[in-house]
Amino acid sequence: MEAKAIQKYARLTPRKAKRVMDLIKGRRAGDALIALRFMPYRGARFIEKVLKSAMSNAEQKNANTDSEAWVISRAVADAGSTMKRIEQRSMGRSNVIKKRSCHITLVLTEE
């Protein structure tokens, strides 16, 4: 059985989210939650929220199992939309600042 949680349009670049996801992929949900809590990366806060949501979804699907024993089978950070902002430069020129977002998906499976 699977439990899934998705966060769309997280204000985090997909590259930075993937760096954190590679560290927790394949771990048990309880161990990954503890690891995320002590990671220095900003993306760990976003992924921790999604993991808690997936664990809650797992408890809703199967009430007699421990959601912390479930394993993170799939962790994906896809590119979301990009906000484009203009920064003024010298001599009347401008630069485009791209503020990227991502869609975070976590899938938990029973052992």
Protein backbone atom coordinates (compact mmCIF):
# COMPACT_ATOMS: atom_id res chain seq x y z
CA MET A 1 0.00 0.00 0.00
CA GLU A 2 1.17 3.53 -0.74
CA ALA A 3 0.70 6.90 0.89
CA LYS A 4 1.50 10.04 -1.04
CA ALA A 5 1.88 13.77 -0.35
CA ILE A 6 2.55 16.63 -2.75
CA GLN A 7 3.47 20.26 -2.18
CA LYS A 8 3.16 22.46 -5.23
CA TYR A 9 4.88 25.77 -5.91
CA ALA A 10 7.34 25.56 -3.02
CA ARG A 11 9.61 28.63 -3.09
CA LEU A 12 12.74 26.55 -3.40
CA THR A 13 14.78 25.62 -6.44
CA PRO A 14 14.48 21.99 -7.56
CA ARG A 15 18.25 21.56 -7.41
CA LYS A 16 18.39 22.46 -3.72
CA ALA A 17 15.40 20.25 -2.95
CA LYS A 18 16.99 17.26 -4.72
CA ARG A 19 20.13 17.66 -2.62
CA VAL A 20 18.07 17.00 0.52
CA MET A 21 15.86 14.32 -1.05
CA ASP A 22 18.82 12.19 -2.06
CA LEU A 23 19.80 11.97 1.60
CA ILE A 24 16.44 10.60 2.80
CA LYS A 25 15.42 8.39 -0.14
CA GLY A 26 15.08 4.74 0.91
CA ARG A 27 15.02 5.48 4.65
CA ARG A 28 12.26 4.76 7.12
CA ALA A 29 9.92 7.70 7.66
CA GLY A 30 10.75 8.11 11.36
CA ASP A 31 14.51 8.11 10.73
CA ALA A 32 14.15 10.54 7.84
CA LEU A 33 12.07 12.90 9.99
CA ILE A 34 14.80 13.04 12.63
CA ALA A 35 17.49 13.54 9.97
CA LEU A 36 15.53 16.39 8.35
CA ARG A 37 15.07 18.15 11.66
CA PHE A 38 18.85 18.52 12.13
CA MET A 39 19.88 19.30 8.54
CA PRO A 40 21.24 22.81 7.99
CA TYR A 41 19.58 23.20 4.58
CA ARG A 42 16.54 25.43 4.07
CA GLY A 43 14.93 22.80 1.83
CA ALA A 44 14.78 20.38 4.74
CA ARG A 45 11.96 22.47 6.30
CA PHE A 46 9.79 22.13 3.17
CA ILE A 47 10.44 18.41 2.84
CA GLU A 48 9.82 17.81 6.55
CA LYS A 49 6.33 19.28 6.18
CA VAL A 50 5.58 17.08 3.17
CA LEU A 51 6.90 13.99 4.98
CA LYS A 52 4.67 14.69 7.98
CA SER A 53 1.71 15.00 5.63
CA ALA A 54 2.57 11.70 3.91
CA MET A 55 2.87 9.99 7.31
CA SER A 56 -0.53 11.35 8.29
CA ASN A 57 -1.98 10.06 5.01
CA ALA A 58 -0.45 6.65 5.75
CA GLU A 59 -2.16 6.55 9.15
CA GLN A 60 -5.48 7.45 7.53
CA LYS A 61 -5.15 4.62 5.00
CA ASN A 62 -4.13 1.95 7.48
CA ALA A 63 -4.82 2.81 11.12
CA ASN A 64 -3.33 -0.35 12.67
CA THR A 65 0.23 0.18 11.33
CA ASP A 66 2.95 2.53 12.54
CA SER A 67 3.51 5.29 9.99
CA GLU A 68 7.13 5.75 11.15
CA ALA A 69 7.95 2.23 9.95
CA TRP A 70 6.94 3.03 6.36
CA VAL A 71 9.76 3.51 3.83
CA ILE A 72 10.25 6.48 1.51
CA SER A 73 10.08 4.73 -1.84
CA ARG A 74 9.98 7.77 -4.11
CA ALA A 75 11.07 11.36 -3.55
CA VAL A 76 10.83 13.75 -6.50
CA ALA A 77 11.35 17.50 -6.89
CA ASP A 78 10.04 18.67 -10.27
CA ALA A 79 10.42 22.20 -11.60
CA GLY A 80 7.46 24.48 -11.03
CA SER A 81 6.74 27.87 -12.49
CA THR A 82 9.36 30.62 -12.53
CA MET A 83 8.64 34.19 -11.45
CA LYS A 84 10.57 36.75 -13.45
CA ARG A 85 11.58 40.01 -11.80
CA ILE A 86 13.57 42.92 -13.22
CA GLU A 87 16.62 44.40 -11.50
CA GLN A 88 17.80 47.82 -12.59
CA ARG A 89 21.40 48.12 -13.73
CA SER A 90 23.61 51.03 -14.71
CA MET A 91 23.19 53.07 -17.90
CA GLY A 92 19.49 52.26 -18.28
CA ARG A 93 19.94 48.51 -18.58
CA SER A 94 18.16 45.77 -16.66
CA ASN A 95 18.73 42.17 -15.62
CA VAL A 96 16.12 39.45 -15.22
CA ILE A 97 16.01 37.67 -11.86
CA LYS A 98 14.43 34.22 -12.02
CA LYS A 99 12.74 33.06 -8.82
CA ARG A 100 12.25 29.35 -9.28
CA SER A 101 9.75 27.07 -7.57
CA CYS A 102 9.33 23.31 -7.39
CA HIS A 103 6.76 20.59 -6.80
CA ILE A 104 7.79 18.17 -4.03
CA THR A 105 6.35 14.64 -4.12
CA LEU A 106 6.94 11.94 -1.46
CA VAL A 107 5.60 8.40 -1.68
CA LEU A 108 5.70 6.04 1.32
CA THR A 109 5.28 2.26 1.08
CA GLU A 110 4.91 -0.43 3.72
CA GLU A 111 7.81 -2.80 4.29
